[in-house]
C-alpha atoms as a PDB file:
ATOM      1  CA  MET A   1      98.581  80.872 126.945  1.00  0.00           C
ATOM      2  CA  GLU A   2     102.112  80.861 128.377  1.00  0.00           C
ATOM      3  CA  LYS A   3     103.530  80.034 124.951  1.00  0.00           C
ATOM      4  CA  ILE A   4     101.570  82.885 123.383  1.00  0.00           C
ATOM      5  CA  LEU A   5     102.924  85.301 125.982  1.00  0.00           C
ATOM      6  CA  ASP A   6     106.473  84.048 125.385  1.00  0.00           C
ATOM      7  CA  ASN A   7     106.052  84.565 121.647  1.00  0.00           C
ATOM      8  CA  TYR A   8     104.732  88.071 122.195  1.00  0.00           C
ATOM      9  CA  LYS A   9     107.668  88.889 124.467  1.00  0.00           C
ATOM     10  CA  ALA A  10     109.989  87.679 121.708  1.00  0.00           C
ATOM     11  CA  LEU A  11     108.302  90.037 119.233  1.00  0.00           C
ATOM     12  CA  LEU A  12     108.730  92.926 121.657  1.00  0.00           C
ATOM     13  CA  ASN A  13     112.378  91.994 122.101  1.00  0.00           C
ATOM     14  CA  ASN A  14     112.887  92.045 118.335  1.00  0.00           C
ATOM     15  CA  LEU A  15     111.729  95.655 118.250  1.00  0.00           C
ATOM     16  CA  ASP A  16     113.744  96.622 121.322  1.00  0.00           C
ATOM     17  CA  ASN A  17     116.896  95.414 119.567  1.00  0.00           C
ATOM     18  CA  LEU A  18     116.393  97.476 116.421  1.00  0.00           C
ATOM     19  CA  TYR A  19     118.927 100.187 115.661  1.00  0.00           C
ATOM     20  CA  ASN A  20     118.713 103.921 115.072  1.00  0.00           C
ATOM     21  CA  ALA A  21     119.496 104.774 111.469  1.00  0.00           C
ATOM     22  CA  ASP A  22     121.210 107.998 110.418  1.00  0.00           C
ATOM     23  CA  ILE A  23     119.906 110.105 107.553  1.00  0.00           C
ATOM     24  CA  ASN A  24     123.464 110.223 106.257  1.00  0.00           C
ATOM     25  CA  ASP A  25     123.258 106.462 105.728  1.00  0.00           C
ATOM     26  CA  TYR A  26     121.169 107.189 102.644  1.00  0.00           C
ATOM     27  CA  ASP A  27     121.904 108.905  99.343  1.00  0.00           C
ATOM     28  CA  LEU A  28     119.282 111.644  99.619  1.00  0.00           C
ATOM     29  CA  ASN A  29     119.361 112.231  95.871  1.00  0.00           C
ATOM     30  CA  LYS A  30     117.863 108.746  95.579  1.00  0.00           C
ATOM     31  CA  THR A  31     115.583 108.874  98.621  1.00  0.00           C
ATOM     32  CA  GLY A  32     111.855 109.606  98.864  1.00  0.00           C
ATOM     33  CA  LEU A  33     109.592 110.241 101.849  1.00  0.00           C
ATOM     34  CA  PHE A  34     106.105 108.726 101.670  1.00  0.00           C
ATOM     35  CA  ILE A  35     103.619 109.971 104.285  1.00  0.00           C
ATOM     36  CA  VAL A  36     100.534 107.798 104.713  1.00  0.00           C
ATOM     37  CA  ASP A  37      97.154 109.219 105.761  1.00  0.00           C
ATOM     38  CA  MET A  38      98.258 112.011 108.068  1.00  0.00           C
ATOM     39  CA  ASN A  39      94.978 113.810 107.504  1.00  0.00           C
ATOM     40  CA  ASN A  40      92.445 115.449 109.782  1.00  0.00           C
ATOM     41  CA  GLY A  41      90.133 112.436 109.630  1.00  0.00           C
ATOM     42  CA  PHE A  42      92.672 110.113 111.223  1.00  0.00           C
ATOM     43  CA  ALA A  43      94.586 112.561 113.400  1.00  0.00           C
ATOM     44  CA  LYS A  44      92.227 115.288 114.590  1.00  0.00           C
ATOM     45  CA  GLU A  45      88.499 114.768 114.012  1.00  0.00           C
ATOM     46  CA  GLY A  46      85.923 112.291 112.782  1.00  0.00           C
ATOM     47  CA  ALA A  47      84.868 108.699 113.436  1.00  0.00           C
ATOM     48  CA  LEU A  48      88.329 107.231 112.808  1.00  0.00           C
ATOM     49  CA  SER A  49      90.496 109.900 114.418  1.00  0.00           C
ATOM     50  CA  SER A  50      92.927 108.850 117.134  1.00  0.00           C
ATOM     51  CA  PRO A  51      95.012 110.772 119.687  1.00  0.00           C
ATOM     52  CA  ARG A  52      97.755 108.209 119.111  1.00  0.00           C
ATOM     53  CA  VAL A  53      97.967 109.318 115.478  1.00  0.00           C
ATOM     54  CA  GLU A  54      97.785 112.980 116.466  1.00  0.00           C
ATOM     55  CA  LYS A  55     100.926 112.519 118.572  1.00  0.00           C
ATOM     56  CA  ILE A  56     103.069 111.705 115.534  1.00  0.00           C
ATOM     57  CA  ILE A  57     102.072 114.805 113.547  1.00  0.00           C
ATOM     58  CA  LYS A  58     104.838 116.984 114.960  1.00  0.00           C
ATOM     59  CA  PRO A  59     107.632 114.363 114.694  1.00  0.00           C
ATOM     60  CA  ILE A  60     106.697 113.628 111.068  1.00  0.00           C
ATOM     61  CA  ALA A  61     106.419 117.331 110.213  1.00  0.00           C
ATOM     62  CA  ASN A  62     109.805 118.040 111.813  1.00  0.00           C
ATOM     63  CA  PHE A  63     111.402 115.113 110.005  1.00  0.00           C
ATOM     64  CA  GLY A  64     109.976 116.187 106.641  1.00  0.00           C
ATOM     65  CA  LYS A  65     111.047 119.806 107.094  1.00  0.00           C
ATOM     66  CA  SER A  66     114.560 118.680 108.068  1.00  0.00           C
ATOM     67  CA  ILE A  67     115.122 116.726 104.865  1.00  0.00           C
ATOM     68  CA  CYS A  68     112.943 118.509 102.291  1.00  0.00           C
ATOM     69  CA  SER A  69     115.768 120.710 101.020  1.00  0.00           C
ATOM     70  CA  ASN A  70     117.780 117.580 100.164  1.00  0.00           C
ATOM     71  CA  VAL A  71     115.017 115.207  99.075  1.00  0.00           C
ATOM     72  CA  ASP A  72     113.141 115.861  95.839  1.00  0.00           C
ATOM     73  CA  THR A  73     110.363 113.323  96.406  1.00  0.00           C
ATOM     74  CA  ILE A  74     107.925 113.851  99.282  1.00  0.00           C
ATOM     75  CA  VAL A  75     104.514 112.258  98.787  1.00  0.00           C
ATOM     76  CA  ALA A  76     101.513 112.422 101.125  1.00  0.00           C
ATOM     77  CA  PHE A  77      98.668 109.948 100.589  1.00  0.00           C
ATOM     78  CA  THR A  78      95.244 110.825 101.930  1.00  0.00           C
ATOM     79  CA  ASP A  79      91.987 108.894 102.079  1.00  0.00           C
ATOM     80  CA  THR A  80      89.432 110.663  99.882  1.00  0.00           C
ATOM     81  CA  HIS A  81      86.090 108.911  99.365  1.00  0.00           C
ATOM     82  CA  ASN A  82      82.812 109.559  97.655  1.00  0.00           C
ATOM     83  CA  GLU A  83      79.701 108.762  99.689  1.00  0.00           C
ATOM     84  CA  ASP A  84      79.136 105.539  97.714  1.00  0.00           C
ATOM     85  CA  ALA A  85      82.711 104.258  98.210  1.00  0.00           C
ATOM     86  CA  VAL A  86      82.758 100.486  98.709  1.00  0.00           C
ATOM     87  CA  GLU A  87      85.321 100.873 101.518  1.00  0.00           C
ATOM     88  CA  LEU A  88      82.653 102.576 103.615  1.00  0.00           C
ATOM     89  CA  LYS A  89      80.877  99.213 103.904  1.00  0.00           C
ATOM     90  CA  SER A  90      83.803  98.060 106.043  1.00  0.00           C
ATOM     91  CA  TYR A  91      84.560 101.237 108.008  1.00  0.00           C
ATOM     92  CA  PRO A  92      82.518 104.125 109.435  1.00  0.00           C
ATOM     93  CA  THR A  93      82.056 107.047 107.053  1.00  0.00           C
ATOM     94  CA  HIS A  94      85.292 109.024 106.944  1.00  0.00           C
ATOM     95  CA  CYS A  95      87.374 111.367 104.832  1.00  0.00           C
ATOM     96  CA  LEU A  96      84.723 112.283 102.271  1.00  0.00           C
ATOM     97  CA  LYS A  97      85.878 114.254  99.248  1.00  0.00           C
ATOM     98  CA  GLY A  98      85.558 117.989  99.852  1.00  0.00           C
ATOM     99  CA  ASN A  99      85.398 117.456 103.616  1.00  0.00           C
ATOM    100  CA  LYS A 100      88.062 118.737 106.000  1.00  0.00           C
ATOM    101  CA  GLU A 101      88.719 115.165 107.153  1.00  0.00           C
ATOM    102  CA  SER A 102      90.311 114.283 103.812  1.00  0.00           C
ATOM    103  CA  GLU A 103      92.758 117.203 104.008  1.00  0.00           C
ATOM    104  CA  ILE A 104      96.367 116.610 105.083  1.00  0.00           C
ATOM    105  CA  VAL A 105      96.971 118.169 108.518  1.00  0.00           C
ATOM    106  CA  GLU A 106      98.307 121.709 108.213  1.00  0.00           C
ATOM    107  CA  GLU A 107     101.556 120.960 110.052  1.00  0.00           C
ATOM    108  CA  ILE A 108     102.572 118.494 107.353  1.00  0.00           C
ATOM    109  CA  LEU A 109     101.340 120.728 104.541  1.00  0.00           C
ATOM    110  CA  ASP A 110     104.069 123.137 105.662  1.00  0.00           C
ATOM    111  CA  ILE A 111     106.706 120.719 104.310  1.00  0.00           C
ATOM    112  CA  ASN A 112     108.105 122.155 101.085  1.00  0.00           C
ATOM    113  CA  ASN A 113     107.622 120.397  97.737  1.00  0.00           C
ATOM    114  CA  ILE A 114     105.015 117.962  99.036  1.00  0.00           C
ATOM    115  CA  GLU A 115     102.934 116.054  96.477  1.00  0.00           C
ATOM    116  CA  ILE A 116      99.452 114.960  97.590  1.00  0.00           C
ATOM    117  CA  LEU A 117      97.885 111.782  96.224  1.00  0.00           C
ATOM    118  CA  GLU A 118      94.233 111.056  96.991  1.00  0.00           C
ATOM    119  CA  LYS A 119      93.309 107.404  97.415  1.00  0.00           C
ATOM    120  CA  ASN A 120      89.994 105.579  97.571  1.00  0.00           C
ATOM    121  CA  SER A 121      91.310 102.487  99.329  1.00  0.00           C
ATOM    122  CA  THR A 122      93.588 101.556 102.204  1.00  0.00           C
ATOM    123  CA  ASN A 123      96.552 101.033  99.845  1.00  0.00           C
ATOM    124  CA  GLY A 124      98.290 104.070  98.372  1.00  0.00           C
ATOM    125  CA  PHE A 125     100.305 101.939  95.945  1.00  0.00           C
ATOM    126  CA  PHE A 126      97.401 101.867  93.513  1.00  0.00           C
ATOM    127  CA  VAL A 127      97.287 105.640  93.014  1.00  0.00           C
ATOM    128  CA  MET A 128     101.010 106.183  92.528  1.00  0.00           C
ATOM    129  CA  ASP A 129     102.790 106.118  89.187  1.00  0.00           C
ATOM    130  CA  ILE A 130     105.556 103.752  90.216  1.00  0.00           C
ATOM    131  CA  GLU A 131     107.602 104.618  87.124  1.00  0.00           C
ATOM    132  CA  LYS A 132     107.842 108.176  88.390  1.00  0.00           C
ATOM    133  CA  TYR A 133     109.896 106.928  91.325  1.00  0.00           C
ATOM    134  CA  LYS A 134     112.039 104.377  89.472  1.00  0.00           C
ATOM    135  CA  ASP A 135     115.282 106.254  90.222  1.00  0.00           C
ATOM    136  CA  LEU A 136     114.733 106.113  93.981  1.00  0.00           C
ATOM    137  CA  ASP A 137     116.710 103.538  95.951  1.00  0.00           C
ATOM    138  CA  ASN A 138     115.333 104.406  99.411  1.00  0.00           C
ATOM    139  CA  PHE A 139     111.644 104.664 100.285  1.00  0.00           C
ATOM    140  CA  ILE A 140     111.070 106.055 103.788  1.00  0.00           C
ATOM    141  CA  VAL A 141     107.469 105.359 104.830  1.00  0.00           C
ATOM    142  CA  VAL A 142     105.763 107.041 107.811  1.00  0.00           C
ATOM    143  CA  GLY A 143     102.218 107.709 109.018  1.00  0.00           C
ATOM    144  CA  CYS A 144      99.150 105.651 109.893  1.00  0.00           C
ATOM    145  CA  CYS A 145      97.888 103.107 110.395  1.00  0.00           C
ATOM    146  CA  THR A 146     100.798 100.775 111.103  1.00  0.00           C
ATOM    147  CA  ASP A 147      98.678  97.653 110.623  1.00  0.00           C
ATOM    148  CA  ILE A 148      96.462  98.807 107.760  1.00  0.00           C
ATOM    149  CA  CYS A 149      97.458 101.519 105.293  1.00  0.00           C
ATOM    150  CA  VAL A 150     101.186 101.602 106.106  1.00  0.00           C
ATOM    151  CA  TYR A 151     101.418  97.814 106.196  1.00  0.00           C
ATOM    152  CA  GLN A 152      99.556  97.307 102.930  1.00  0.00           C
ATOM    153  CA  PHE A 153     101.582  99.988 101.162  1.00  0.00           C
ATOM    154  CA  VAL A 154     105.033  98.747 102.179  1.00  0.00           C
ATOM    155  CA  LEU A 155     104.217  95.095 101.490  1.00  0.00           C
ATOM    156  CA  THR A 156     102.760  95.859  98.070  1.00  0.00           C
ATOM    157  CA  LEU A 157     105.760  98.038  97.275  1.00  0.00           C
ATOM    158  CA  LYS A 158     108.139  95.279  98.397  1.00  0.00           C
ATOM    159  CA  THR A 159     106.245  92.642  96.423  1.00  0.00           C
ATOM    160  CA  TYR A 160     106.394  94.799  93.300  1.00  0.00           C
ATOM    161  CA  PHE A 161     110.136  95.264  93.688  1.00  0.00           C
ATOM    162  CA  ASN A 162     110.669  91.540  94.234  1.00  0.00           C
ATOM    163  CA  GLN A 163     108.564  90.614  91.212  1.00  0.00           C
ATOM    164  CA  ASN A 164     110.608  92.945  89.027  1.00  0.00           C
ATOM    165  CA  ASN A 165     113.950  91.980  90.637  1.00  0.00           C
ATOM    166  CA  LEU A 166     114.558  95.527  91.868  1.00  0.00           C
ATOM    167  CA  ASP A 167     116.844  95.915  94.869  1.00  0.00           C
ATOM    168  CA  LYS A 168     115.215  98.802  96.734  1.00  0.00           C
ATOM    169  CA  ASN A 169     115.342  99.746 100.420  1.00  0.00           C
ATOM    170  CA  ILE A 170     112.022 100.357 102.203  1.00  0.00           C
ATOM    171  CA  ILE A 171     112.551 101.981 105.602  1.00  0.00           C
ATOM    172  CA  VAL A 172     109.901 102.314 108.328  1.00  0.00           C
ATOM    173  CA  PRO A 173     110.947 104.322 111.430  1.00  0.00           C
ATOM    174  CA  MET A 174     109.026 102.988 114.432  1.00  0.00           C
ATOM    175  CA  ASN A 175     108.726 106.426 116.027  1.00  0.00           C
ATOM    176  CA  LEU A 176     106.977 107.821 112.941  1.00  0.00           C
ATOM    177  CA  VAL A 177     104.178 105.268 112.536  1.00  0.00           C
ATOM    178  CA  GLU A 178     101.145 104.668 114.734  1.00  0.00           C
ATOM    179  CA  THR A 179      97.728 103.043 114.859  1.00  0.00           C
ATOM    180  CA  TYR A 180      94.500 103.564 116.787  1.00  0.00           C
ATOM    181  CA  ASP A 181      93.312 101.863 119.963  1.00  0.00           C
ATOM    182  CA  ILE A 182      89.813 100.619 120.829  1.00  0.00           C
ATOM    183  CA  ASP A 183      89.502  98.767 124.139  1.00  0.00           C
ATOM    184  CA  MET A 184      88.774  95.043 123.720  1.00  0.00           C
ATOM    185  CA  ILE A 185      88.559  95.435 119.926  1.00  0.00           C
ATOM    186  CA  HIS A 186      91.820  96.804 118.556  1.00  0.00           C
ATOM    187  CA  SER A 187      94.921  97.095 120.726  1.00  0.00           C
ATOM    188  CA  GLY A 188      97.210  99.749 119.308  1.00  0.00           C
ATOM    189  CA  ASP A 189     100.302  98.460 121.090  1.00  0.00           C
ATOM    190  CA  PHE A 190      99.654  94.836 120.154  1.00  0.00           C
ATOM    191  CA  SER A 191      98.945  95.735 116.514  1.00  0.00           C
ATOM    192  CA  ASN A 192     102.111  97.820 116.264  1.00  0.00           C
ATOM    193  CA  THR A 193     104.183  94.962 117.698  1.00  0.00           C
ATOM    194  CA  VAL A 194     102.770  92.243 115.458  1.00  0.00           C
ATOM    195  CA  PHE A 195     102.695  94.199 112.217  1.00  0.00           C
ATOM    196  CA  LEU A 196     106.125  95.811 112.593  1.00  0.00           C
ATOM    197  CA  ASN A 197     107.525  92.323 113.127  1.00  0.00           C
ATOM    198  CA  SER A 198     105.669  91.095 110.063  1.00  0.00           C
ATOM    199  CA  MET A 199     107.222  93.929 108.050  1.00  0.00           C
ATOM    200  CA  ILE A 200     110.677  92.817 109.200  1.00  0.00           C
ATOM    201  CA  GLN A 201     109.926  89.222 108.212  1.00  0.00           C
ATOM    202  CA  ASN A 202     108.904  90.450 104.757  1.00  0.00           C
ATOM    203  CA  GLY A 203     112.145  92.319 104.120  1.00  0.00           C
ATOM    204  CA  ILE A 204     111.144  95.819 105.236  1.00  0.00           C
ATOM    205  CA  ASN A 205     113.907  97.720 107.040  1.00  0.00           C
ATOM    206  CA  VAL A 206     112.207  98.706 110.299  1.00  0.00           C
ATOM    207  CA  VAL A 207     114.343 101.019 112.449  1.00  0.00           C
ATOM    208  CA  LYS A 208     113.764 102.700 115.793  1.00  0.00           C
ATOM    209  CA  ASN A 209     114.393 106.188 114.478  1.00  0.00           C
ATOM    210  CA  ILE A 210     116.211 108.056 111.709  1.00  0.00           C
ATOM    211  CA  LEU A 211     118.581 110.535 113.257  1.00  0.00           C
ATOM    212  CA  ILE A 212     118.956 113.872 111.472  1.00  0.00           C
END
């Protein structure tokens, strides 16, 4: 047990030592913002909603509004399921098509030039036309959940780039991702710590914040 605690402390220390990036570090003409599942069903109401996710609505909305005049690509993925969706065998019913839960929260809809992509799985990669974004060098990924939809998306994206020998930069700001918490079942803090570290180990550029 002591060794496990020491390892966990080391993971926390890794995150504590991350740096703050600056938006001016990136060529915004070649940068896209990808917002994962910031919808009502995860942030405001429904079986899978979480106050932890709700808390990052405003920071994400402010970040998107601050860069939208300089960034052409802003994509928001949202879970959108039919009642017979296979995913609903693994999770409580959520974000049904035509239901308010599947709608992006209004604060983020206020970001100019936002493109909405509906997805029927936890991984937004499979509903995006990757060729459409081939000229991007920087992929900033925010939203929820750190350990599920965000994690799957960034790792699939990274794997695709590696397979095709494409040198792209995937950036995940820690302050703009979050996951849910269920006592004795799913620790939000623990999941954030483990999965952000796993992202780093897989070549994702995890930063504390992106300063505007």
